[in-house]
Amino acid sequence: MARTPRETEEAKPPSFAMLRDFGNEVAEAYGLVFTLPDDLRAIYLKFGIDLARGNGDGTWRLPVPARLVVDRQGIVRDVDADPDYTRRSEPARTVEILRSLPGKERA
């Protein structure tokens, strides 16, 4: 798994598994991908952001910001997804959900 500079600078790795979804394959499977409209593409490019190049697949697709809690059996236990990137799950809520999982599922 490739790591971003920020990930390699963190002093202590998390005690739980996290997914880095290159190519938006997992987000696509959950129906959480959208394609940037042309007007936003132009704005991104004005700021030097070439999403198609950054994605590595020529697409102008982004995932909807989301937090999924999936147990060890692959069952999705909770989802928080919002197209408005300014609204995010509170970390305390995620911890609460993780703690509520049955015994062997705890992170």
PDB file of N, CA and C in Angstrom:
ATOM      1  N   MET A   1       0.845  -1.172   0.000  1.00  0.00           N
ATOM      2  CA  MET A   1       0.000   0.000   0.000  1.00  0.00           C
ATOM      3  C   MET A   1       0.892   1.237   0.000  1.00  0.00           C
ATOM      4  N   ALA A   2       0.636   2.154  -0.902  1.00  0.00           N
ATOM      5  CA  ALA A   2       1.398   3.397  -0.961  1.00  0.00           C
ATOM      6  C   ALA A   2       0.961   4.330   0.159  1.00  0.00           C
ATOM      7  N   ARG A   3       1.867   5.142   0.609  1.00  0.00           N
ATOM      8  CA  ARG A   3       1.559   6.080   1.690  1.00  0.00           C
ATOM      9  C   ARG A   3       1.808   7.502   1.199  1.00  0.00           C
ATOM     10  N   THR A   4       1.007   8.420   1.693  1.00  0.00           N
ATOM     11  CA  THR A   4       1.210   9.829   1.379  1.00  0.00           C
ATOM     12  C   THR A   4       2.226  10.384   2.365  1.00  0.00           C
ATOM     13  N   PRO A   5       2.845  11.537   2.065  1.00  0.00           N
ATOM     14  CA  PRO A   5       3.826  12.107   2.997  1.00  0.00           C
ATOM     15  C   PRO A   5       3.258  12.292   4.413  1.00  0.00           C
ATOM     16  N   ARG A   6       2.018  12.768   4.530  1.00  0.00           N
ATOM     17  CA  ARG A   6       1.431  12.972   5.847  1.00  0.00           C
ATOM     18  C   ARG A   6       1.350  11.665   6.615  1.00  0.00           C
ATOM     19  N   GLU A   7       1.016  10.594   5.929  1.00  0.00           N
ATOM     20  CA  GLU A   7       0.899   9.302   6.595  1.00  0.00           C
ATOM     21  C   GLU A   7       2.246   8.812   7.094  1.00  0.00           C
ATOM     22  N   THR A   8       3.309   9.088   6.362  1.00  0.00           N
ATOM     23  CA  THR A   8       4.614   8.602   6.779  1.00  0.00           C
ATOM     24  C   THR A   8       5.208   9.457   7.890  1.00  0.00           C
ATOM     25  N   GLU A   9       4.698  10.675   8.079  1.00  0.00           N
ATOM     26  CA  GLU A   9       5.195  11.560   9.127  1.00  0.00           C
ATOM     27  C   GLU A   9       4.541  11.298  10.469  1.00  0.00           C
ATOM     28  N   GLU A  10       3.438  10.588  10.500  1.00  0.00           N
ATOM     29  CA  GLU A  10       2.747  10.340  11.756  1.00  0.00           C
ATOM     30  C   GLU A  10       3.597   9.445  12.643  1.00  0.00           C
ATOM     31  N   ALA A  11       3.708   9.850  13.908  1.00  0.00           N
ATOM     32  CA  ALA A  11       4.584   9.155  14.841  1.00  0.00           C
ATOM     33  C   ALA A  11       4.096   7.747  15.188  1.00  0.00           C
ATOM     34  N   LYS A  12       2.806   7.585  15.363  1.00  0.00           N
ATOM     35  CA  LYS A  12       2.273   6.306  15.817  1.00  0.00           C
ATOM     36  C   LYS A  12       1.183   5.836  14.862  1.00  0.00           C
ATOM     37  N   PRO A  13       1.329   4.652  14.280  1.00  0.00           N
ATOM     38  CA  PRO A  13       0.285   4.173  13.371  1.00  0.00           C
ATOM     39  C   PRO A  13      -0.999   3.872  14.145  1.00  0.00           C
ATOM     40  N   PRO A  14      -2.155   4.004  13.493  1.00  0.00           N
ATOM     41  CA  PRO A  14      -3.414   3.713  14.177  1.00  0.00           C
ATOM     42  C   PRO A  14      -3.492   2.233  14.553  1.00  0.00           C
ATOM     43  N   SER A  15      -4.312   1.954  15.551  1.00  0.00           N
ATOM     44  CA  SER A  15      -4.465   0.568  16.013  1.00  0.00           C
ATOM     45  C   SER A  15      -5.592  -0.146  15.277  1.00  0.00           C
ATOM     46  N   PHE A  16      -6.035   0.420  14.183  1.00  0.00           N
ATOM     47  CA  PHE A  16      -7.111  -0.168  13.394  1.00  0.00           C
ATOM     48  C   PHE A  16      -6.753  -0.046  11.922  1.00  0.00           C
ATOM     49  N   ALA A  17      -7.404  -0.867  11.110  1.00  0.00           N
ATOM     50  CA  ALA A  17      -7.131  -0.855   9.668  1.00  0.00           C
ATOM     51  C   ALA A  17      -7.837   0.321   9.005  1.00  0.00           C
ATOM     52  N   MET A  18      -7.131   0.969   8.104  1.00  0.00           N
ATOM     53  CA  MET A  18      -7.719   2.042   7.309  1.00  0.00           C
ATOM     54  C   MET A  18      -7.466   1.734   5.839  1.00  0.00           C
ATOM     55  N   LEU A  19      -8.394   2.131   5.006  1.00  0.00           N
ATOM     56  CA  LEU A  19      -8.305   1.865   3.578  1.00  0.00           C
ATOM     57  C   LEU A  19      -7.918   3.123   2.829  1.00  0.00           C
ATOM     58  N   ARG A  20      -6.958   3.027   1.954  1.00  0.00           N
ATOM     59  CA  ARG A  20      -6.631   4.098   1.014  1.00  0.00           C
ATOM     60  C   ARG A  20      -7.104   3.591  -0.329  1.00  0.00           C
ATOM     61  N   ASP A  21      -8.122   4.225  -0.888  1.00  0.00           N
ATOM     62  CA  ASP A  21      -8.833   3.717  -2.057  1.00  0.00           C
ATOM     63  C   ASP A  21      -8.328   4.328  -3.361  1.00  0.00           C
ATOM     64  N   PHE A  22      -7.155   3.877  -3.812  1.00  0.00           N
ATOM     65  CA  PHE A  22      -6.638   4.354  -5.088  1.00  0.00           C
ATOM     66  C   PHE A  22      -7.562   3.892  -6.205  1.00  0.00           C
ATOM     67  N   GLY A  23      -7.895   4.798  -7.106  1.00  0.00           N
ATOM     68  CA  GLY A  23      -8.768   4.470  -8.220  1.00  0.00           C
ATOM     69  C   GLY A  23     -10.246   4.478  -7.859  1.00  0.00           C
ATOM     70  N   ASN A  24     -10.559   4.813  -6.616  1.00  0.00           N
ATOM     71  CA  ASN A  24     -11.949   4.897  -6.157  1.00  0.00           C
ATOM     72  C   ASN A  24     -12.740   3.607  -6.348  1.00  0.00           C
ATOM     73  N   GLU A  25     -12.055   2.473  -6.375  1.00  0.00           N
ATOM     74  CA  GLU A  25     -12.727   1.207  -6.632  1.00  0.00           C
ATOM     75  C   GLU A  25     -13.709   0.825  -5.523  1.00  0.00           C
ATOM     76  N   VAL A  26     -13.301   0.998  -4.284  1.00  0.00           N
ATOM     77  CA  VAL A  26     -14.187   0.653  -3.172  1.00  0.00           C
ATOM     78  C   VAL A  26     -15.331   1.651  -3.085  1.00  0.00           C
ATOM     79  N   ALA A  27     -15.015   2.937  -3.208  1.00  0.00           N
ATOM     80  CA  ALA A  27     -16.060   3.961  -3.175  1.00  0.00           C
ATOM     81  C   ALA A  27     -17.089   3.704  -4.277  1.00  0.00           C
ATOM     82  N   GLU A  28     -16.613   3.301  -5.436  1.00  0.00           N
ATOM     83  CA  GLU A  28     -17.515   2.975  -6.550  1.00  0.00           C
ATOM     84  C   GLU A  28     -18.438   1.818  -6.178  1.00  0.00           C
ATOM     85  N   ALA A  29     -17.883   0.802  -5.535  1.00  0.00           N
ATOM     86  CA  ALA A  29     -18.691  -0.362  -5.141  1.00  0.00           C
ATOM     87  C   ALA A  29     -19.803   0.029  -4.173  1.00  0.00           C
ATOM     88  N   TYR A  30     -19.555   1.043  -3.364  1.00  0.00           N
ATOM     89  CA  TYR A  30     -20.560   1.521  -2.411  1.00  0.00           C
ATOM     90  C   TYR A  30     -21.419   2.651  -2.972  1.00  0.00           C
ATOM     91  N   GLY A  31     -21.209   3.003  -4.235  1.00  0.00           N
ATOM     92  CA  GLY A  31     -21.996   4.074  -4.852  1.00  0.00           C
ATOM     93  C   GLY A  31     -21.643   5.451  -4.323  1.00  0.00           C
ATOM     94  N   LEU A  32     -20.375   5.644  -3.956  1.00  0.00           N
ATOM     95  CA  LEU A  32     -19.954   6.897  -3.335  1.00  0.00           C
ATOM     96  C   LEU A  32     -18.946   7.677  -4.183  1.00  0.00           C
ATOM     97  N   VAL A  33     -19.115   7.652  -5.502  1.00  0.00           N
ATOM     98  CA  VAL A  33     -18.201   8.371  -6.389  1.00  0.00           C
ATOM     99  C   VAL A  33     -19.010   9.299  -7.282  1.00  0.00           C
ATOM    100  N   PHE A  34     -18.435  10.473  -7.530  1.00  0.00           N
ATOM    101  CA  PHE A  34     -19.070  11.389  -8.471  1.00  0.00           C
ATOM    102  C   PHE A  34     -17.999  11.969  -9.380  1.00  0.00           C
ATOM    103  N   THR A  35     -18.431  12.421 -10.550  1.00  0.00           N
ATOM    104  CA  THR A  35     -17.528  13.032 -11.513  1.00  0.00           C
ATOM    105  C   THR A  35     -17.674  14.540 -11.427  1.00  0.00           C
ATOM    106  N   LEU A  36     -16.545  15.231 -11.330  1.00  0.00           N
ATOM    107  CA  LEU A  36     -16.562  16.686 -11.244  1.00  0.00           C
ATOM    108  C   LEU A  36     -17.133  17.267 -12.532  1.00  0.00           C
ATOM    109  N   PRO A  37     -18.053  18.226 -12.421  1.00  0.00           N
ATOM    110  CA  PRO A  37     -18.583  18.871 -13.624  1.00  0.00           C
ATOM    111  C   PRO A  37     -17.516  19.763 -14.274  1.00  0.00           C
ATOM    112  N   ASP A  38     -17.721  20.067 -15.542  1.00  0.00           N
ATOM    113  CA  ASP A  38     -16.739  20.835 -16.312  1.00  0.00           C
ATOM    114  C   ASP A  38     -16.357  22.158 -15.661  1.00  0.00           C
ATOM    115  N   ASP A  39     -17.335  22.879 -15.090  1.00  0.00           N
ATOM    116  CA  ASP A  39     -17.011  24.179 -14.498  1.00  0.00           C
ATOM    117  C   ASP A  39     -16.065  24.037 -13.305  1.00  0.00           C
ATOM    118  N   LEU A  40     -16.228  22.986 -12.524  1.00  0.00           N
ATOM    119  CA  LEU A  40     -15.312  22.762 -11.396  1.00  0.00           C
ATOM    120  C   LEU A  40     -13.952  22.262 -11.868  1.00  0.00           C
ATOM    121  N   ARG A  41     -13.935  21.526 -12.953  1.00  0.00           N
ATOM    122  CA  ARG A  41     -12.650  21.084 -13.509  1.00  0.00           C
ATOM    123  C   ARG A  41     -11.791  22.301 -13.844  1.00  0.00           C
ATOM    124  N   ALA A  42     -12.421  23.291 -14.492  1.00  0.00           N
ATOM    125  CA  ALA A  42     -11.698  24.504 -14.875  1.00  0.00           C
ATOM    126  C   ALA A  42     -11.142  25.219 -13.644  1.00  0.00           C
ATOM    127  N   ILE A  43     -11.917  25.275 -12.580  1.00  0.00           N
ATOM    128  CA  ILE A  43     -11.458  25.918 -11.341  1.00  0.00           C
ATOM    129  C   ILE A  43     -10.288  25.133 -10.747  1.00  0.00           C
ATOM    130  N   TYR A  44     -10.409  23.816 -10.694  1.00  0.00           N
ATOM    131  CA  TYR A  44      -9.321  22.986 -10.172  1.00  0.00           C
ATOM    132  C   TYR A  44      -8.042  23.249 -10.954  1.00  0.00           C
ATOM    133  N   LEU A  45      -8.163  23.271 -12.297  1.00  0.00           N
ATOM    134  CA  LEU A  45      -6.984  23.469 -13.140  1.00  0.00           C
ATOM    135  C   LEU A  45      -6.364  24.849 -12.924  1.00  0.00           C
ATOM    136  N   LYS A  46      -7.202  25.872 -12.680  1.00  0.00           N
ATOM    137  CA  LYS A  46      -6.669  27.212 -12.408  1.00  0.00           C
ATOM    138  C   LYS A  46      -5.802  27.217 -11.149  1.00  0.00           C
ATOM    139  N   PHE A  47      -6.117  26.331 -10.197  1.00  0.00           N
ATOM    140  CA  PHE A  47      -5.337  26.222  -8.967  1.00  0.00           C
ATOM    141  C   PHE A  47      -4.210  25.197  -9.091  1.00  0.00           C
ATOM    142  N   GLY A  48      -4.006  24.689 -10.302  1.00  0.00           N
ATOM    143  CA  GLY A  48      -2.927  23.735 -10.532  1.00  0.00           C
ATOM    144  C   GLY A  48      -3.251  22.319 -10.082  1.00  0.00           C
ATOM    145  N   ILE A  49      -4.523  22.035  -9.892  1.00  0.00           N
ATOM    146  CA  ILE A  49      -4.926  20.699  -9.462  1.00  0.00           C
ATOM    147  C   ILE A  49      -5.431  19.920 -10.673  1.00  0.00           C
ATOM    148  N   ASP A  50      -4.633  18.972 -11.109  1.00  0.00           N
ATOM    149  CA  ASP A  50      -5.015  18.128 -12.234  1.00  0.00           C
ATOM    150  C   ASP A  50      -5.472  16.788 -11.666  1.00  0.00           C
ATOM    151  N   LEU A  51      -6.748  16.728 -11.327  1.00  0.00           N
ATOM    152  CA  LEU A  51      -7.301  15.547 -10.681  1.00  0.00           C
ATOM    153  C   LEU A  51      -7.150  14.305 -11.547  1.00  0.00           C
ATOM    154  N   ALA A  52      -7.317  14.451 -12.853  1.00  0.00           N
ATOM    155  CA  ALA A  52      -7.182  13.307 -13.752  1.00  0.00           C
ATOM    156  C   ALA A  52      -5.770  12.719 -13.662  1.00  0.00           C
ATOM    157  N   ARG A  53      -4.791  13.578 -13.581  1.00  0.00           N
ATOM    158  CA  ARG A  53      -3.400  13.114 -13.437  1.00  0.00           C
ATOM    159  C   ARG A  53      -3.186  12.529 -12.046  1.00  0.00           C
ATOM    160  N   GLY A  54      -3.686  13.223 -11.031  1.00  0.00           N
ATOM    161  CA  GLY A  54      -3.532  12.748  -9.658  1.00  0.00           C
ATOM    162  C   GLY A  54      -4.208  11.414  -9.414  1.00  0.00           C
ATOM    163  N   ASN A  55      -5.352  11.214 -10.047  1.00  0.00           N
ATOM    164  CA  ASN A  55      -6.056   9.938  -9.898  1.00  0.00           C
ATOM    165  C   ASN A  55      -5.295   8.802 -10.575  1.00  0.00           C
ATOM    166  N   GLY A  56      -4.478   9.175 -11.561  1.00  0.00           N
ATOM    167  CA  GLY A  56      -3.685   8.161 -12.246  1.00  0.00           C
ATOM    168  C   GLY A  56      -4.465   7.342 -13.252  1.00  0.00           C
ATOM    169  N   ASP A  57      -5.724   7.707 -13.449  1.00  0.00           N
ATOM    170  CA  ASP A  57      -6.534   6.939 -14.399  1.00  0.00           C
ATOM    171  C   ASP A  57      -7.243   7.835 -15.414  1.00  0.00           C
ATOM    172  N   GLY A  58      -6.892   9.127 -15.419  1.00  0.00           N
ATOM    173  CA  GLY A  58      -7.476  10.046 -16.389  1.00  0.00           C
ATOM    174  C   GLY A  58      -8.884  10.521 -16.064  1.00  0.00           C
ATOM    175  N   THR A  59      -9.419  10.120 -14.909  1.00  0.00           N
ATOM    176  CA  THR A  59     -10.785  10.507 -14.567  1.00  0.00           C
ATOM    177  C   THR A  59     -10.812  11.728 -13.660  1.00  0.00           C
ATOM    178  N   TRP A  60     -11.916  12.416 -13.708  1.00  0.00           N
ATOM    179  CA  TRP A  60     -12.176  13.564 -12.832  1.00  0.00           C
ATOM    180  C   TRP A  60     -13.202  13.142 -11.792  1.00  0.00           C
ATOM    181  N   ARG A  61     -12.948  12.013 -11.161  1.00  0.00           N
ATOM    182  CA  ARG A  61     -13.875  11.465 -10.172  1.00  0.00           C
ATOM    183  C   ARG A  61     -13.326  11.643  -8.757  1.00  0.00           C
ATOM    184  N   LEU A  62     -14.240  11.882  -7.854  1.00  0.00           N
ATOM    185  CA  LEU A  62     -13.900  11.995  -6.434  1.00  0.00           C
ATOM    186  C   LEU A  62     -14.861  11.149  -5.622  1.00  0.00           C
ATOM    187  N   PRO A  63     -14.411  10.648  -4.481  1.00  0.00           N
ATOM    188  CA  PRO A  63     -15.335   9.930  -3.594  1.00  0.00           C
ATOM    189  C   PRO A  63     -16.131  10.921  -2.755  1.00  0.00           C
ATOM    190  N   VAL A  64     -17.341  10.550  -2.422  1.00  0.00           N
ATOM    191  CA  VAL A  64     -18.114  11.311  -1.442  1.00  0.00           C
ATOM    192  C   VAL A  64     -17.427  11.077  -0.099  1.00  0.00           C
ATOM    193  N   PRO A  65     -17.170  12.149   0.674  1.00  0.00           N
ATOM    194  CA  PRO A  65     -16.573  11.923   1.997  1.00  0.00           C
ATOM    195  C   PRO A  65     -17.453  10.982   2.817  1.00  0.00           C
ATOM    196  N   ALA A  66     -16.853   9.930   3.321  1.00  0.00           N
ATOM    197  CA  ALA A  66     -17.634   8.922   4.035  1.00  0.00           C
ATOM    198  C   ALA A  66     -16.791   8.232   5.095  1.00  0.00           C
ATOM    199  N   ARG A  67     -17.479   7.731   6.098  1.00  0.00           N
ATOM    200  CA  ARG A  67     -16.870   6.891   7.122  1.00  0.00           C
ATOM    201  C   ARG A  67     -17.725   5.654   7.231  1.00  0.00           C
ATOM    202  N   LEU A  68     -17.130   4.492   6.986  1.00  0.00           N
ATOM    203  CA  LEU A  68     -17.833   3.225   7.113  1.00  0.00           C
ATOM    204  C   LEU A  68     -17.160   2.413   8.202  1.00  0.00           C
ATOM    205  N   VAL A  69     -17.941   1.800   9.048  1.00  0.00           N
ATOM    206  CA  VAL A  69     -17.410   0.873  10.041  1.00  0.00           C
ATOM    207  C   VAL A  69     -17.826  -0.514   9.569  1.00  0.00           C
ATOM    208  N   VAL A  70     -16.812  -1.329   9.261  1.00  0.00           N
ATOM    209  CA  VAL A  70     -17.036  -2.679   8.745  1.00  0.00           C
ATOM    210  C   VAL A  70     -16.426  -3.655   9.736  1.00  0.00           C
ATOM    211  N   ASP A  71     -17.213  -4.638  10.169  1.00  0.00           N
ATOM    212  CA  ASP A  71     -16.682  -5.582  11.157  1.00  0.00           C
ATOM    213  C   ASP A  71     -15.817  -6.641  10.472  1.00  0.00           C
ATOM    214  N   ARG A  72     -15.267  -7.537  11.255  1.00  0.00           N
ATOM    215  CA  ARG A  72     -14.325  -8.528  10.728  1.00  0.00           C
ATOM    216  C   ARG A  72     -14.989  -9.541   9.802  1.00  0.00           C
ATOM    217  N   GLN A  73     -16.304  -9.645   9.842  1.00  0.00           N
ATOM    218  CA  GLN A  73     -17.022 -10.525   8.921  1.00  0.00           C
ATOM    219  C   GLN A  73     -17.394  -9.799   7.630  1.00  0.00           C
ATOM    220  N   GLY A  74     -17.023  -8.532   7.521  1.00  0.00           N
ATOM    221  CA  GLY A  74     -17.324  -7.758   6.329  1.00  0.00           C
ATOM    222  C   GLY A  74     -18.696  -7.123   6.343  1.00  0.00           C
ATOM    223  N   ILE A  75     -19.351  -7.107   7.493  1.00  0.00           N
ATOM    224  CA  ILE A  75     -20.673  -6.501   7.616  1.00  0.00           C
ATOM    225  C   ILE A  75     -20.509  -5.016   7.920  1.00  0.00           C
ATOM    226  N   VAL A  76     -21.170  -4.188   7.120  1.00  0.00           N
ATOM    227  CA  VAL A  76     -21.135  -2.749   7.350  1.00  0.00           C
ATOM    228  C   VAL A  76     -22.019  -2.447   8.551  1.00  0.00           C
ATOM    229  N   ARG A  77     -21.415  -1.950   9.607  1.00  0.00           N
ATOM    230  CA  ARG A  77     -22.131  -1.676  10.855  1.00  0.00           C
ATOM    231  C   ARG A  77     -22.618  -0.245  10.968  1.00  0.00           C
ATOM    232  N   ASP A  78     -21.964   0.686  10.259  1.00  0.00           N
ATOM    233  CA  ASP A  78     -22.403   2.077  10.307  1.00  0.00           C
ATOM    234  C   ASP A  78     -21.816   2.823   9.119  1.00  0.00           C
ATOM    235  N   VAL A  79     -22.571   3.787   8.630  1.00  0.00           N
ATOM    236  CA  VAL A  79     -22.131   4.614   7.506  1.00  0.00           C
ATOM    237  C   VAL A  79     -22.493   6.062   7.797  1.00  0.00           C
ATOM    238  N   ASP A  80     -21.575   6.935   7.505  1.00  0.00           N
ATOM    239  CA  ASP A  80     -21.851   8.365   7.516  1.00  0.00           C
ATOM    240  C   ASP A  80     -21.238   8.911   6.238  1.00  0.00           C
ATOM    241  N   ALA A  81     -22.080   9.293   5.294  1.00  0.00           N
ATOM    242  CA  ALA A  81     -21.617   9.813   4.011  1.00  0.00           C
ATOM    243  C   ALA A  81     -22.392  11.087   3.703  1.00  0.00           C
ATOM    244  N   ASP A  82     -21.664  12.117   3.290  1.00  0.00           N
ATOM    245  CA  ASP A  82     -22.297  13.402   2.985  1.00  0.00           C
ATOM    246  C   ASP A  82     -21.529  14.054   1.844  1.00  0.00           C
ATOM    247  N   PRO A  83     -22.205  14.377   0.755  1.00  0.00           N
ATOM    248  CA  PRO A  83     -21.515  15.025  -0.368  1.00  0.00           C
ATOM    249  C   PRO A  83     -20.886  16.370   0.014  1.00  0.00           C
ATOM    250  N   ASP A  84     -21.376  16.993   1.092  1.00  0.00           N
ATOM    251  CA  ASP A  84     -20.814  18.261   1.553  1.00  0.00           C
ATOM    252  C   ASP A  84     -19.569  17.949   2.383  1.00  0.00           C
ATOM    253  N   TYR A  85     -18.401  18.174   1.789  1.00  0.00           N
ATOM    254  CA  TYR A  85     -17.144  17.811   2.445  1.00  0.00           C
ATOM    255  C   TYR A  85     -16.895  18.570   3.749  1.00  0.00           C
ATOM    256  N   THR A  86     -17.665  19.636   4.006  1.00  0.00           N
ATOM    257  CA  THR A  86     -17.461  20.401   5.240  1.00  0.00           C
ATOM    258  C   THR A  86     -18.143  19.749   6.437  1.00  0.00           C
ATOM    259  N   ARG A  87     -19.000  18.778   6.186  1.00  0.00           N
ATOM    260  CA  ARG A  87     -19.677  18.070   7.281  1.00  0.00           C
ATOM    261  C   ARG A  87     -19.044  16.696   7.416  1.00  0.00           C
ATOM    262  N   ARG A  88     -18.410  16.458   8.542  1.00  0.00           N
ATOM    263  CA  ARG A  88     -17.711  15.194   8.775  1.00  0.00           C
ATOM    264  C   ARG A  88     -18.162  14.578  10.094  1.00  0.00           C
ATOM    265  N   SER A  89     -18.008  13.277  10.172  1.00  0.00           N
ATOM    266  CA  SER A  89     -18.321  12.553  11.403  1.00  0.00           C
ATOM    267  C   SER A  89     -17.396  13.005  12.514  1.00  0.00           C
ATOM    268  N   GLU A  90     -17.942  13.083  13.696  1.00  0.00           N
ATOM    269  CA  GLU A  90     -17.107  13.343  14.862  1.00  0.00           C
ATOM    270  C   GLU A  90     -16.322  12.081  15.187  1.00  0.00           C
ATOM    271  N   PRO A  91     -15.021  12.196  15.416  1.00  0.00           N
ATOM    272  CA  PRO A  91     -14.232  11.004  15.754  1.00  0.00           C
ATOM    273  C   PRO A  91     -14.795  10.264  16.974  1.00  0.00           C
ATOM    274  N   ALA A  92     -15.316  10.992  17.933  1.00  0.00           N
ATOM    275  CA  ALA A  92     -15.867  10.349  19.134  1.00  0.00           C
ATOM    276  C   ALA A  92     -17.027   9.430  18.770  1.00  0.00           C
ATOM    277  N   ARG A  93     -17.803   9.801  17.772  1.00  0.00           N
ATOM    278  CA  ARG A  93     -18.923   8.951  17.329  1.00  0.00           C
ATOM    279  C   ARG A  93     -18.393   7.648  16.741  1.00  0.00           C
ATOM    280  N   THR A  94     -17.337   7.723  15.970  1.00  0.00           N
ATOM    281  CA  THR A  94     -16.749   6.517  15.395  1.00  0.00           C
ATOM    282  C   THR A  94     -16.219   5.605  16.495  1.00  0.00           C
ATOM    283  N   VAL A  95     -15.547   6.169  17.473  1.00  0.00           N
ATOM    284  CA  VAL A  95     -15.031   5.380  18.596  1.00  0.00           C
ATOM    285  C   VAL A  95     -16.181   4.718  19.341  1.00  0.00           C
ATOM    286  N   GLU A  96     -17.261   5.452  19.542  1.00  0.00           N
ATOM    287  CA  GLU A  96     -18.451   4.900  20.221  1.00  0.00           C
ATOM    288  C   GLU A  96     -18.992   3.690  19.458  1.00  0.00           C
ATOM    289  N   ILE A  97     -19.060   3.804  18.149  1.00  0.00           N
ATOM    290  CA  ILE A  97     -19.563   2.703  17.317  1.00  0.00           C
ATOM    291  C   ILE A  97     -18.620   1.507  17.406  1.00  0.00           C
ATOM    292  N   LEU A  98     -17.319   1.755  17.324  1.00  0.00           N
ATOM    293  CA  LEU A  98     -16.344   0.672  17.426  1.00  0.00           C
ATOM    294  C   LEU A  98     -16.462  -0.051  18.768  1.00  0.00           C
ATOM    295  N   ARG A  99     -16.642   0.711  19.807  1.00  0.00           N
ATOM    296  CA  ARG A  99     -16.763   0.102  21.155  1.00  0.00           C
ATOM    297  C   ARG A  99     -18.054  -0.697  21.314  1.00  0.00           C
ATOM    298  N   SER A 100     -19.062  -0.378  20.517  1.00  0.00           N
ATOM    299  CA  SER A 100     -20.343  -1.076  20.641  1.00  0.00           C
ATOM    300  C   SER A 100     -20.369  -2.405  19.888  1.00  0.00           C
ATOM    301  N   LEU A 101     -19.348  -2.666  19.079  1.00  0.00           N
ATOM    302  CA  LEU A 101     -19.311  -3.904  18.319  1.00  0.00           C
ATOM    303  C   LEU A 101     -19.151  -5.092  19.271  1.00  0.00           C
ATOM    304  N   PRO A 102     -19.705  -6.231  18.902  1.00  0.00           N
ATOM    305  CA  PRO A 102     -19.563  -7.431  19.740  1.00  0.00           C
ATOM    306  C   PRO A 102     -18.091  -7.752  19.998  1.00  0.00           C
ATOM    307  N   GLY A 103     -17.816  -8.370  21.143  1.00  0.00           N
ATOM    308  CA  GLY A 103     -16.498  -8.694  21.661  1.00  0.00           C
ATOM    309  C   GLY A 103     -15.333  -8.799  20.707  1.00  0.00           C
ATOM    310  N   LYS A 104     -15.337  -9.742  19.798  1.00  0.00           N
ATOM    311  CA  LYS A 104     -14.187  -9.964  18.923  1.00  0.00           C
ATOM    312  C   LYS A 104     -14.046  -8.888  17.859  1.00  0.00           C
ATOM    313  N   GLU A 105     -15.040  -8.052  17.691  1.00  0.00           N
ATOM    314  CA  GLU A 105     -14.999  -7.031  16.644  1.00  0.00           C
ATOM    315  C   GLU A 105     -14.333  -5.749  17.110  1.00  0.00           C
ATOM    316  N   ARG A 106     -14.035  -5.622  18.361  1.00  0.00           N
ATOM    317  CA  ARG A 106     -13.474  -4.367  18.877  1.00  0.00           C
ATOM    318  C   ARG A 106     -12.114  -4.094  18.274  1.00  0.00           C
ATOM    319  N   ALA A 107     -11.910  -2.816  17.977  1.00  0.00           N
ATOM    320  CA  ALA A 107     -10.606  -2.404  17.426  1.00  0.00           C
ATOM    321  C   ALA A 107      -9.668  -2.050  18.547  1.00  0.00           C
TER     322      ALA A 107
END
